[in-house]
Amino acid sequence: MGIGTLRCHVIDVEDLAIAEAFWSEVTGLPVITSGYTGRFSYLGRLDPWKHEMILQLVKGPKGSKANRNHVDLTVDDVDEAVHQIVAIGGSIKKEPSIYPRPGSFSGKPPVIDRAVMTDPFGNEFCLVSELTSEESARAVDAMDRADGTDHHWRVAAGRARPS
């Protein structure tokens, strides 16, 4: 068994409408509802709802250093998966955090715990674990006690131990 399972493919794009039309035609996947309109578009199945591709809006054209495609992997425990990935030669690009941070998008509670990793060649990928509704609520309840760190939000959600 692997450290995680393939969740979806993420592609950075400069225009969501053009990308939706193009990638929907290429893959045959319909555009499905995104809770983050204007930032992400999803392609996948409506019933049961599952995104198989995420189109992520970025500013500016691809540069020589930009990684415009990556995979998201579903894992049970982000911290454990990070440890396992590092042990086999991967690296941490962005420490574990919950997304979205409470209060960052009006009315949008946190839904995932994630970390951005790189393989031994510098290719990026994300480790993702869905928050339960209780974990999300605990993070939102901690907004008035926020210290501004990703670790704070993960501790509040019950995904990390206090330092």
Foldseek 3Di string as FASTA:
>chain_A
DDQFAWQAKEFEDADPVVCQVVVCVVPVFHWDDDPDPPAKTFTDDVVVDGGHYIYGHDPDDDDPPDQGMEIETEHAAAVVSQVVQVVVQKAFPFPWAWPPQQPPDPPDFTFWIKTWMAHNVRHIYMYIYTQDPQLRVQLNVCPVVDPPDRQVSCVSSVNDDDD
